[in-house]
Amino acid sequence: MQAARRKLFQIVAFGFTNSDPGNLLKGVINKGEWKRFCIPGMNCYSCPAARFSCPIGALQAVNGNMDFSFSFYAVGIILAFGVLMGRWICGFLCPFGLIQELLHKIPVKKLHLPKVFTCIKYLLLIGLVFIVPVFMTDYAGAGKPAFCEYVCPVGTLEGGIPLLLANESLRQLAGPLFWWKIGILAVTLTGCMFICRFFCKVACPLGAIYGMLNRISAWHLEVDGEKCVRCGKCALECPMDVDPCRHPNSAECIRCGRCRAVCPENAIRFRFGYGRK
């Protein structure tokens, strides 16, 4: 029942974020008033159906944009969501998170990702989201959105492909960079089939930010040490390969609640607030 409620929550969030499907046939980007606002999850600004902006796309403008009011807004909205909810956003509100979970249902052999690969998303965050926009600017001094331009598979799937399918003039402009990103997308989607939330674990810079805030977020996971019998069922169930008993506020935990659902002693719970009870 809990899994069904979460899936419904994800579907509603996906629909709300992409609530302008008419543009998919037109092959144009929605540039309405709501594009001033960022959603908390990963959803490409260039997706024709998207009604809001992507926080990572906005964040890349911080280091190279002279509009400091916009810069402070982009940083502030991400930190506000992160401090309140941590990676709960990844588990419940992220449109691309839903896509990854659906791909993982394809019946192929499931694999576990070595922990070392989870560091890649932090390197992408530091290098392509923060550092490169400072040194790669256009004639007006605006920073280059390096992650979106060179890596982001979310933008390729939700923005690049739909726009090219519906707009012939854009198809004629597709070059090596587009096919490079198609390759990244293919690796990402294939990885999601074998490894649950492959992109979240390896390459999502937004998940990296929220993960760093997991330890201080108001919404957090608690394990009752007196009730816990160390059966290990929660660790086996976790889609993010976290052991909740040892690391209840791991940077990888997306607060999906699957660990709590399988706990035989009801030793795991989620709580909003600070201080122990």
Protein backbone atom coordinates (compact mmCIF):
# COMPACT_ATOMS: atom_id res chain seq x y z
CA MET A 1 0.00 0.00 0.00
CA GLN A 2 2.80 2.41 0.89
CA ALA A 3 4.60 1.67 -2.39
CA ALA A 4 1.39 2.35 -4.33
CA ARG A 5 0.90 5.68 -2.57
CA ARG A 6 4.45 6.73 -3.35
CA LYS A 7 4.05 5.77 -7.01
CA LEU A 8 0.82 7.79 -7.20
CA PHE A 9 2.66 10.73 -5.64
CA GLN A 10 5.40 10.44 -8.27
CA ILE A 11 2.90 10.28 -11.14
CA VAL A 12 1.04 13.36 -9.90
CA ALA A 13 4.33 15.25 -9.50
CA PHE A 14 5.36 14.23 -13.05
CA GLY A 15 2.06 15.42 -14.47
CA PHE A 16 2.15 18.72 -12.57
CA THR A 17 5.69 19.44 -13.71
CA ASN A 18 4.92 18.61 -17.36
CA SER A 19 1.45 20.07 -17.59
CA ASP A 20 1.69 21.57 -21.08
CA PRO A 21 1.72 18.50 -23.37
CA GLY A 22 0.33 20.44 -26.34
CA ASN A 23 3.79 21.80 -27.09
CA LEU A 24 5.09 18.28 -27.74
CA LEU A 25 3.40 18.27 -31.15
CA LYS A 26 4.42 21.84 -31.91
CA GLY A 27 8.10 21.26 -31.15
CA VAL A 28 8.45 24.49 -29.17
CA ILE A 29 9.55 25.28 -25.61
CA ASN A 30 7.07 26.72 -23.15
CA LYS A 31 8.35 30.16 -22.09
CA GLY A 32 5.45 31.18 -19.90
CA GLU A 33 5.53 33.08 -16.63
CA TRP A 34 5.91 29.91 -14.57
CA LYS A 35 9.32 29.25 -16.14
CA ARG A 36 10.65 31.78 -13.63
CA PHE A 37 10.19 29.16 -10.93
CA CYS A 38 12.24 26.02 -10.33
CA ILE A 39 10.78 22.67 -9.43
CA PRO A 40 12.70 20.70 -6.77
CA GLY A 41 13.40 17.64 -8.99
CA MET A 42 15.25 16.99 -12.27
CA ASN A 43 13.09 17.95 -15.25
CA CYS A 44 14.53 19.69 -18.29
CA TYR A 45 13.64 23.33 -18.96
CA SER A 46 13.69 22.52 -22.69
CA CYS A 47 11.08 19.77 -22.45
CA PRO A 48 8.18 21.12 -24.54
CA ALA A 49 5.68 20.00 -21.88
CA ALA A 50 7.62 21.48 -18.94
CA ARG A 51 5.94 24.41 -17.20
CA PHE A 52 8.80 25.13 -14.77
CA SER A 53 12.59 25.47 -14.78
CA CYS A 54 15.18 22.87 -13.80
CA PRO A 55 17.10 23.76 -10.61
CA ILE A 56 20.42 22.48 -11.97
CA GLY A 57 20.01 24.52 -15.14
CA ALA A 58 19.28 27.58 -13.00
CA LEU A 59 22.13 26.81 -10.63
CA GLN A 60 24.68 26.77 -13.46
CA ALA A 61 23.76 30.36 -14.20
CA VAL A 62 24.78 31.43 -10.70
CA ASN A 63 28.53 31.58 -11.29
CA GLY A 64 28.36 33.34 -14.63
CA ASN A 65 25.24 35.49 -14.35
CA MET A 66 25.31 39.13 -13.35
CA ASP A 67 21.67 39.00 -12.27
CA PHE A 68 22.39 38.33 -8.62
CA SER A 69 18.73 38.31 -7.63
CA PHE A 70 18.20 35.30 -9.90
CA SER A 71 21.39 33.70 -8.63
CA PHE A 72 20.37 33.96 -4.99
CA TYR A 73 16.92 32.63 -5.84
CA ALA A 74 18.32 29.55 -7.61
CA VAL A 75 20.63 28.70 -4.73
CA GLY A 76 18.04 29.54 -2.10
CA ILE A 77 15.28 27.35 -3.53
CA ILE A 78 17.55 24.30 -3.72
CA LEU A 79 18.88 24.80 -0.19
CA ALA A 80 15.39 25.43 1.19
CA PHE A 81 14.02 22.19 -0.27
CA GLY A 82 17.15 20.30 0.78
CA VAL A 83 17.17 21.50 4.38
CA LEU A 84 13.50 20.69 4.77
CA MET A 85 13.26 17.33 2.97
CA GLY A 86 16.72 16.12 1.90
CA ARG A 87 16.61 13.38 -0.73
CA TRP A 88 12.93 12.69 -0.05
CA ILE A 89 12.53 14.92 -3.09
CA CYS A 90 14.42 12.35 -5.19
CA GLY A 91 12.14 9.58 -4.00
CA PHE A 92 8.81 11.37 -4.39
CA LEU A 93 8.98 14.49 -6.57
CA CYS A 94 11.65 13.90 -9.23
CA PRO A 95 10.16 13.14 -12.69
CA PHE A 96 13.32 11.42 -13.90
CA GLY A 97 13.35 9.32 -10.74
CA LEU A 98 9.99 7.89 -11.79
CA ILE A 99 11.31 7.11 -15.28
CA GLN A 100 14.30 5.29 -13.80
CA GLU A 101 12.15 3.16 -11.52
CA LEU A 102 9.87 2.15 -14.40
CA LEU A 103 12.91 1.13 -16.48
CA HIS A 104 14.19 -0.98 -13.59
CA LYS A 105 11.02 -3.07 -13.75
CA ILE A 106 12.16 -4.52 -17.10
CA PRO A 107 12.95 -8.19 -16.38
CA VAL A 108 16.73 -8.38 -16.71
CA LYS A 109 19.38 -9.50 -14.24
CA LYS A 110 19.76 -6.89 -11.51
CA LEU A 111 23.20 -5.67 -10.45
CA HIS A 112 24.69 -3.73 -7.56
CA LEU A 113 26.87 -0.69 -8.20
CA PRO A 114 30.29 -0.48 -6.49
CA LYS A 115 30.24 2.37 -3.95
CA VAL A 116 33.15 4.18 -5.59
CA PHE A 117 30.96 5.14 -8.57
CA THR A 118 28.65 7.18 -6.34
CA CYS A 119 31.44 9.79 -6.09
CA ILE A 120 31.11 10.71 -9.77
CA LYS A 121 28.05 12.89 -9.17
CA TYR A 122 30.01 15.07 -6.74
CA LEU A 123 32.76 15.56 -9.33
CA LEU A 124 30.14 16.57 -11.91
CA LEU A 125 28.56 18.97 -9.44
CA ILE A 126 31.85 20.67 -8.58
CA GLY A 127 33.33 20.64 -12.08
CA LEU A 128 30.47 21.19 -14.52
CA VAL A 129 27.89 22.98 -12.37
CA PHE A 130 30.13 25.28 -10.32
CA ILE A 131 33.61 25.62 -11.83
CA VAL A 132 33.21 25.50 -15.62
CA PRO A 133 30.54 28.26 -15.78
CA VAL A 134 33.06 30.63 -14.18
CA PHE A 135 35.72 30.09 -16.85
CA MET A 136 33.53 29.43 -19.91
CA THR A 137 31.45 32.54 -20.57
CA ASP A 138 29.93 34.14 -23.64
CA TYR A 139 30.45 37.68 -24.94
CA ALA A 140 27.96 39.00 -22.39
CA GLY A 141 29.73 37.30 -19.48
CA ALA A 142 27.07 34.65 -18.92
CA GLY A 143 28.35 31.28 -17.74
CA LYS A 144 28.16 28.18 -19.93
CA PRO A 145 25.66 25.55 -18.64
CA ALA A 146 28.23 22.79 -19.03
CA PHE A 147 26.37 19.92 -17.36
CA CYS A 148 23.21 20.58 -19.37
CA GLU A 149 25.11 21.03 -22.62
CA TYR A 150 27.59 18.18 -22.46
CA VAL A 151 26.18 15.52 -20.12
CA CYS A 152 22.60 15.72 -18.91
CA PRO A 153 20.64 12.68 -20.19
CA VAL A 154 17.46 14.14 -18.72
CA GLY A 155 17.66 17.06 -21.15
CA THR A 156 18.33 14.75 -24.08
CA LEU A 157 15.36 12.53 -23.30
CA GLU A 158 12.84 15.19 -22.29
CA GLY A 159 14.03 18.13 -24.39
CA GLY A 160 16.36 17.22 -27.24
CA ILE A 161 14.56 14.20 -28.69
CA PRO A 162 10.98 15.58 -28.52
CA LEU A 163 12.05 18.89 -30.06
CA LEU A 164 13.90 17.22 -32.93
CA LEU A 165 11.04 14.81 -33.62
CA ALA A 166 8.53 17.63 -33.94
CA ASN A 167 10.71 20.34 -35.50
CA GLU A 168 12.35 19.62 -38.84
CA SER A 169 14.55 22.73 -38.77
CA LEU A 170 16.11 21.58 -35.50
CA ARG A 171 16.79 18.12 -36.95
CA GLN A 172 18.97 19.72 -39.60
CA LEU A 173 21.11 21.31 -36.87
CA ALA A 174 21.83 18.08 -35.01
CA GLY A 175 25.57 17.44 -34.95
CA PRO A 176 28.28 15.48 -33.10
CA LEU A 177 27.36 16.97 -29.72
CA PHE A 178 23.80 15.72 -30.02
CA TRP A 179 24.96 12.20 -30.88
CA TRP A 180 27.44 12.30 -27.98
CA LYS A 181 24.53 13.04 -25.65
CA ILE A 182 22.44 10.31 -27.28
CA GLY A 183 25.25 7.93 -26.32
CA ILE A 184 25.19 9.15 -22.71
CA LEU A 185 21.42 8.74 -22.67
CA ALA A 186 21.67 5.19 -24.02
CA VAL A 187 24.20 4.25 -21.31
CA THR A 188 22.01 5.85 -18.65
CA LEU A 189 18.78 4.15 -19.70
CA THR A 190 20.52 0.79 -20.05
CA GLY A 191 22.13 1.25 -16.66
CA CYS A 192 18.74 1.96 -15.10
CA MET A 193 17.46 -1.39 -16.32
CA PHE A 194 20.19 -3.27 -14.46
CA ILE A 195 20.87 -0.94 -11.53
CA CYS A 196 18.05 0.75 -9.65
CA ARG A 197 18.21 4.54 -10.11
CA PHE A 198 21.53 4.34 -11.95
CA PHE A 199 21.54 8.06 -12.77
CA CYS A 200 20.68 9.03 -9.18
CA LYS A 201 23.58 6.99 -7.85
CA VAL A 202 26.21 7.95 -10.41
CA ALA A 203 25.59 11.24 -12.16
CA CYS A 204 22.84 13.42 -10.67
CA PRO A 205 24.30 16.69 -9.31
CA LEU A 206 20.97 17.66 -7.77
CA GLY A 207 20.90 14.39 -5.83
CA ALA A 208 24.45 15.16 -4.70
CA ILE A 209 23.30 18.46 -3.18
CA TYR A 210 20.25 16.98 -1.48
CA GLY A 211 22.35 14.04 -0.26
CA MET A 212 24.79 16.36 1.49
CA LEU A 213 21.81 17.93 3.26
CA ASN A 214 20.30 14.60 4.35
CA ARG A 215 22.04 14.71 7.73
CA ILE A 216 20.55 18.07 8.64
CA SER A 217 17.18 17.88 6.87
CA ALA A 218 14.07 18.26 8.99
CA TRP A 219 12.54 15.14 7.40
CA HIS A 220 14.76 12.26 8.48
CA LEU A 221 14.89 8.56 9.22
CA GLU A 222 15.27 7.16 12.73
CA VAL A 223 16.07 3.62 13.87
CA ASP A 224 15.06 2.47 17.34
CA GLY A 225 18.15 0.63 18.59
CA GLU A 226 16.16 -1.19 21.28
CA LYS A 227 13.66 -2.63 18.80
CA CYS A 228 16.09 -3.39 15.96
CA VAL A 229 17.14 -7.06 15.83
CA ARG A 230 19.77 -6.56 13.07
CA CYS A 231 18.01 -8.93 10.70
CA GLY A 232 19.32 -7.06 7.65
CA LYS A 233 16.00 -7.07 5.78
CA CYS A 234 16.01 -3.29 5.45
CA ALA A 235 19.46 -3.24 3.82
CA LEU A 236 18.46 -5.97 1.35
CA GLU A 237 15.30 -4.07 0.42
CA CYS A 238 16.92 -0.66 -0.06
CA PRO A 239 16.99 0.38 -3.75
CA MET A 240 19.90 2.74 -3.05
CA ASP A 241 22.09 0.06 -1.40
CA VAL A 242 21.99 1.72 2.03
CA ASP A 243 22.03 -0.05 5.39
CA PRO A 244 19.53 2.08 7.37
CA CYS A 245 20.58 0.58 10.70
CA ARG A 246 24.19 1.67 10.26
CA HIS A 247 23.64 4.82 8.20
CA PRO A 248 20.07 6.09 8.76
CA ASN A 249 20.83 9.45 7.18
CA SER A 250 23.13 8.31 4.38
CA ALA A 251 23.59 10.73 1.48
CA GLU A 252 22.20 8.00 -0.81
CA CYS A 253 18.92 7.49 1.08
CA ILE A 254 15.91 8.78 -0.89
CA ARG A 255 13.43 8.26 1.98
CA CYS A 256 11.30 5.91 -0.12
CA GLY A 257 10.11 3.97 2.94
CA ARG A 258 10.76 0.47 1.64
CA CYS A 259 13.01 -0.28 4.61
CA ARG A 260 10.25 0.66 7.04
CA ALA A 261 7.73 -1.51 5.19
CA VAL A 262 9.83 -4.69 5.60
CA CYS A 263 11.02 -4.10 9.18
CA PRO A 264 9.54 -6.95 11.31
CA GLU A 265 9.90 -4.99 14.57
CA ASN A 266 8.68 -1.56 13.39
CA ALA A 267 12.04 -0.15 14.44
CA ILE A 268 12.27 2.30 11.54
CA ARG A 269 10.29 5.48 11.26
CA PHE A 270 10.38 8.86 9.57
CA ARG A 271 9.94 12.09 11.48
CA PHE A 272 9.79 15.76 10.68
CA GLY A 273 11.69 18.03 13.09
CA TYR A 274 14.90 18.22 15.05
CA GLY A 275 16.01 16.70 18.33
CA ARG A 276 15.63 13.12 19.51
CA LYS A 277 12.42 11.73 20.97
